[in-house]
Amino acid sequence: MKSVYDLEVFKKAYGISLGIHNASLNLPAFEQQKGLADQLRRASKGICANLAEGFGRQSISTPDFKRFIVMAIGSADEMQLWLTYCSDLNYIQSDQAESWKTSYREIAMMLSGLHKNWK
């Protein structure tokens, strides 16, 4: 692996974060700043950001990289909660929320595997 962009989990998380970002722009105005839309954007992008920062440090400190992977797992779990709110508040269709939640469960599992197997 030469770059964080080579990690399949990064590619998957990055792709879904773009969809989340675009969908969040359709939430009500009062949710845009410091509200649910902002939380969606931060948590979805946080997965990618933590992987990138940790990967940048992994040549110096494997435990540091693993710590960033754990934070990314937390953000993947957080996204499932925010998506539940969006669905329950009728901001997004429930089938879209479920699809994204399934993707975030897959991302969390991929991250767990990366954490376990990274040397």
Protein backbone atom coordinates (compact mmCIF):
# COMPACT_ATOMS: atom_id res chain seq x y z
CA MET A 1 0.00 0.00 0.00
CA LYS A 2 1.49 3.28 -1.11
CA SER A 3 -1.38 5.51 -0.12
CA VAL A 4 -4.55 5.58 1.93
CA TYR A 5 -6.34 5.81 -1.42
CA ASP A 6 -5.26 2.20 -2.07
CA LEU A 7 -7.34 0.90 0.86
CA GLU A 8 -10.69 -0.55 -0.26
CA VAL A 9 -12.34 0.66 2.95
CA PHE A 10 -11.16 4.21 2.22
CA LYS A 11 -12.59 4.05 -1.31
CA LYS A 12 -15.94 2.80 0.00
CA ALA A 13 -16.11 5.37 2.81
CA TYR A 14 -15.10 8.21 0.49
CA GLY A 15 -17.72 7.27 -2.10
CA ILE A 16 -20.54 7.13 0.41
CA SER A 17 -19.41 10.38 2.06
CA LEU A 18 -19.97 12.19 -1.25
CA GLY A 19 -23.56 10.91 -1.39
CA ILE A 20 -24.12 11.85 2.25
CA HIS A 21 -22.73 15.34 1.65
CA ASN A 22 -25.05 15.93 -1.30
CA ALA A 23 -28.08 14.57 0.54
CA SER A 24 -27.32 16.68 3.61
CA LEU A 25 -27.60 19.84 1.52
CA ASN A 26 -31.33 19.10 1.14
CA LEU A 27 -32.03 19.07 4.87
CA PRO A 28 -33.87 22.08 6.32
CA ALA A 29 -31.91 25.31 6.74
CA PHE A 30 -31.99 25.11 10.55
CA GLU A 31 -30.17 21.75 10.31
CA GLN A 32 -27.35 23.07 8.13
CA GLN A 33 -25.19 24.85 10.72
CA LYS A 34 -24.41 22.89 13.90
CA GLY A 35 -27.39 20.67 13.24
CA LEU A 36 -28.04 17.26 11.78
CA ALA A 37 -26.72 18.11 8.30
CA ASP A 38 -23.44 19.32 9.78
CA GLN A 39 -23.14 16.16 11.90
CA LEU A 40 -23.76 13.96 8.86
CA ARG A 41 -21.03 15.70 6.88
CA ARG A 42 -18.55 15.66 9.76
CA ALA A 43 -19.00 12.00 10.71
CA SER A 44 -19.00 10.67 7.15
CA LYS A 45 -15.89 12.65 6.24
CA GLY A 46 -14.32 11.83 9.62
CA ILE A 47 -13.91 8.19 8.60
CA CYS A 48 -11.81 9.19 5.60
CA ALA A 49 -9.92 11.88 7.51
CA ASN A 50 -9.00 9.50 10.34
CA LEU A 51 -7.80 6.88 7.88
CA ALA A 52 -5.73 9.45 6.00
CA GLU A 53 -4.14 10.89 9.12
CA GLY A 54 -3.46 7.49 10.62
CA PHE A 55 -2.05 6.11 7.40
CA GLY A 56 0.31 9.05 7.22
CA ARG A 57 1.64 8.10 10.64
CA GLN A 58 1.74 4.33 10.18
CA SER A 59 5.31 4.25 8.91
CA ILE A 60 6.35 5.75 12.25
CA SER A 61 3.81 4.20 14.59
CA THR A 62 1.56 1.22 13.88
CA PRO A 63 -0.27 1.68 17.22
CA ASP A 64 -1.04 5.28 16.21
CA PHE A 65 -2.57 4.10 12.93
CA LYS A 66 -4.66 1.54 14.80
CA ARG A 67 -5.91 4.27 17.14
CA PHE A 68 -7.11 6.27 14.12
CA ILE A 69 -8.82 3.15 12.74
CA VAL A 70 -10.72 2.83 16.04
CA MET A 71 -11.85 6.46 15.72
CA ALA A 72 -13.01 5.74 12.16
CA ILE A 73 -15.03 2.77 13.45
CA GLY A 74 -16.69 5.12 15.94
CA SER A 75 -17.62 7.51 13.14
CA ALA A 76 -19.10 4.65 11.08
CA ASP A 77 -21.24 3.68 14.07
CA GLU A 78 -22.18 7.33 14.65
CA MET A 79 -23.36 7.59 11.04
CA GLN A 80 -25.90 4.85 11.64
CA LEU A 81 -27.45 6.94 14.42
CA TRP A 82 -27.56 10.14 12.34
CA LEU A 83 -29.16 8.24 9.48
CA THR A 84 -31.80 6.88 11.84
CA TYR A 85 -32.59 10.45 12.90
CA CYS A 86 -32.82 11.53 9.26
CA SER A 87 -35.21 8.73 8.46
CA ASP A 88 -37.35 9.22 11.58
CA LEU A 89 -37.57 12.95 10.92
CA ASN A 90 -38.55 12.23 7.29
CA TYR A 91 -35.53 14.07 5.90
CA ILE A 92 -34.53 11.07 3.78
CA GLN A 93 -36.44 8.03 2.54
CA SER A 94 -36.24 5.07 4.91
CA ASP A 95 -34.96 2.74 2.17
CA GLN A 96 -32.08 5.14 1.45
CA ALA A 97 -31.28 5.39 5.16
CA GLU A 98 -31.25 1.60 5.47
CA SER A 99 -29.01 1.23 2.44
CA TRP A 100 -26.50 3.72 3.86
CA LYS A 101 -26.69 2.14 7.32
CA THR A 102 -25.89 -1.24 5.77
CA SER A 103 -22.92 0.33 4.01
CA TYR A 104 -21.67 1.83 7.27
CA ARG A 105 -21.98 -1.54 9.01
CA GLU A 106 -19.87 -3.02 6.20
CA ILE A 107 -17.35 -0.19 6.54
CA ALA A 108 -17.12 -0.80 10.30
CA MET A 109 -16.47 -4.50 9.68
CA MET A 110 -13.82 -3.68 7.08
CA LEU A 111 -12.18 -1.28 9.52
CA SER A 112 -12.23 -3.92 12.26
CA GLY A 113 -10.50 -6.34 9.91
CA LEU A 114 -7.94 -3.72 8.96
CA HIS A 115 -7.27 -3.03 12.65
CA LYS A 116 -6.87 -6.72 13.42
CA ASN A 117 -4.63 -7.53 10.46
CA TRP A 118 -2.46 -4.40 10.10
CA LYS A 119 1.16 -5.13 10.98
